[in-house]
Amino acid sequence: MHIELPEKRYYGIGEVAKAFGVNTSLIRFWEKEFDILKPKKNAKGNRKFTPEDIKNLKFIYHLVKERGFTLEGAKTHLKEEKKKALSNFEIVSKLESIKNQLTKLKDNL
């Protein structure tokens, strides 16, 4: 999955939901369900997601939406194989990003 977000320190929940193509309520629900999601909140209580949170959301999205894990299965997978699975996911994500860039270059030629 490739999401389009500008390089920033913090992202609002609306931006994140739009980038993933889901409702904001799903993002809030995943925040409650998964311990690795800890967005910062400002004085008003608005969630501000860091790039690390976005990376974790990508991994959760991959497990739940793309691979079809249940929420309990995704939680278990994250706890048991967090480092190994996350590093594999990061490698795949980088390769997909490179593929997208190469495809764009090819189309421009």
Protein backbone atom coordinates (compact mmCIF):
# COMPACT_ATOMS: atom_id res chain seq x y z
CA MET A 1 0.00 0.00 0.00
CA HIS A 2 1.32 3.40 -0.97
CA ILE A 3 -0.09 6.45 0.77
CA GLU A 4 0.45 10.04 -0.23
CA LEU A 5 1.28 12.28 2.73
CA PRO A 6 3.55 15.33 2.70
CA GLU A 7 6.67 15.34 4.86
CA LYS A 8 5.55 16.81 8.18
CA ARG A 9 6.16 16.32 11.88
CA TYR A 10 2.49 15.81 12.72
CA TYR A 11 -0.59 14.79 10.76
CA GLY A 12 -4.22 15.38 11.70
CA ILE A 13 -6.62 12.47 11.93
CA GLY A 14 -8.53 13.71 8.86
CA GLU A 15 -5.37 13.70 6.73
CA VAL A 16 -4.45 10.22 7.93
CA ALA A 17 -7.91 8.80 7.34
CA LYS A 18 -8.06 10.29 3.83
CA ALA A 19 -4.60 8.93 2.97
CA PHE A 20 -5.62 5.41 4.06
CA GLY A 21 -9.10 5.67 2.52
CA VAL A 22 -10.89 4.88 5.80
CA ASN A 23 -13.14 6.73 8.24
CA THR A 24 -11.69 8.67 11.14
CA SER A 25 -13.70 6.45 13.48
CA LEU A 26 -11.67 3.43 12.33
CA ILE A 27 -8.42 5.24 13.12
CA ARG A 28 -9.74 6.11 16.60
CA PHE A 29 -10.90 2.51 17.10
CA TRP A 30 -7.49 1.12 16.11
CA GLU A 31 -5.87 3.61 18.50
CA LYS A 32 -7.87 2.08 21.37
CA GLU A 33 -7.22 -1.50 20.25
CA PHE A 34 -3.49 -1.38 19.46
CA ASP A 35 -0.96 -0.31 22.08
CA ILE A 36 1.63 0.77 19.51
CA LEU A 37 -0.57 3.67 18.36
CA LYS A 38 -0.06 6.59 20.68
CA PRO A 39 -0.77 9.84 18.83
CA LYS A 40 -0.08 13.02 20.72
CA LYS A 41 -3.04 15.21 21.64
CA ASN A 42 -3.05 18.99 21.78
CA ALA A 43 -4.89 21.11 24.35
CA LYS A 44 -8.16 20.70 22.46
CA GLY A 45 -7.75 16.94 22.38
CA ASN A 46 -7.07 16.73 18.64
CA ARG A 47 -4.89 13.79 17.68
CA LYS A 48 -1.57 14.51 16.03
CA PHE A 49 0.09 11.52 14.40
CA THR A 50 3.86 11.34 14.01
CA PRO A 51 5.61 9.61 11.09
CA GLU A 52 6.24 6.68 13.49
CA ASP A 53 2.49 6.44 14.12
CA ILE A 54 1.89 6.47 10.36
CA LYS A 55 4.35 3.61 9.93
CA ASN A 56 2.55 1.61 12.63
CA LEU A 57 -0.82 2.41 11.04
CA LYS A 58 0.46 1.16 7.68
CA PHE A 59 1.47 -2.11 9.32
CA ILE A 60 -1.87 -2.50 11.09
CA TYR A 61 -3.71 -1.67 7.87
CA HIS A 62 -1.61 -4.26 6.03
CA LEU A 63 -2.36 -6.96 8.59
CA VAL A 64 -6.08 -6.27 8.98
CA LYS A 65 -7.21 -5.05 5.56
CA GLU A 66 -4.76 -6.64 3.12
CA ARG A 67 -3.87 -9.93 4.82
CA GLY A 68 -7.23 -10.43 6.49
CA PHE A 69 -6.10 -10.81 10.09
CA THR A 70 -8.69 -10.46 12.85
CA LEU A 71 -7.97 -7.74 15.39
CA GLU A 72 -6.95 -10.33 17.96
CA GLY A 73 -4.75 -12.08 15.40
CA ALA A 74 -3.11 -8.79 14.43
CA LYS A 75 -2.46 -7.95 18.10
CA THR A 76 -0.90 -11.36 18.68
CA HIS A 77 1.20 -11.06 15.53
CA LEU A 78 2.44 -7.64 16.62
CA LYS A 79 3.40 -8.86 20.09
CA GLU A 80 5.12 -12.08 19.01
CA GLU A 81 6.98 -11.00 15.92
CA LYS A 82 7.02 -7.23 16.20
CA LYS A 83 10.61 -6.52 15.22
CA LYS A 84 10.92 -9.20 12.55
CA ALA A 85 7.54 -8.53 10.97
CA LEU A 86 7.92 -4.76 11.11
CA SER A 87 11.34 -4.84 9.46
CA ASN A 88 10.03 -7.13 6.70
CA PHE A 89 7.07 -4.81 6.19
CA GLU A 90 9.39 -1.78 5.99
CA ILE A 91 11.49 -3.49 3.32
CA VAL A 92 8.42 -4.36 1.28
CA SER A 93 7.09 -0.81 1.66
CA LYS A 94 10.37 0.68 0.45
CA LEU A 95 10.42 -1.67 -2.53
CA GLU A 96 6.84 -0.72 -3.42
CA SER A 97 7.78 2.95 -3.19
CA ILE A 98 10.73 2.40 -5.53
CA LYS A 99 8.49 0.50 -7.93
CA ASN A 100 5.99 3.39 -7.97
CA GLN A 101 8.76 5.91 -8.64
CA LEU A 102 10.16 3.80 -11.46
CA THR A 103 6.71 3.39 -12.97
CA LYS A 104 6.21 7.17 -12.91
CA LEU A 105 9.58 7.68 -14.59
CA LYS A 106 8.70 5.11 -17.25
CA ASP A 107 5.35 6.83 -17.92
CA ASN A 108 7.08 10.19 -18.28
CA LEU A 109 9.47 8.89 -20.94
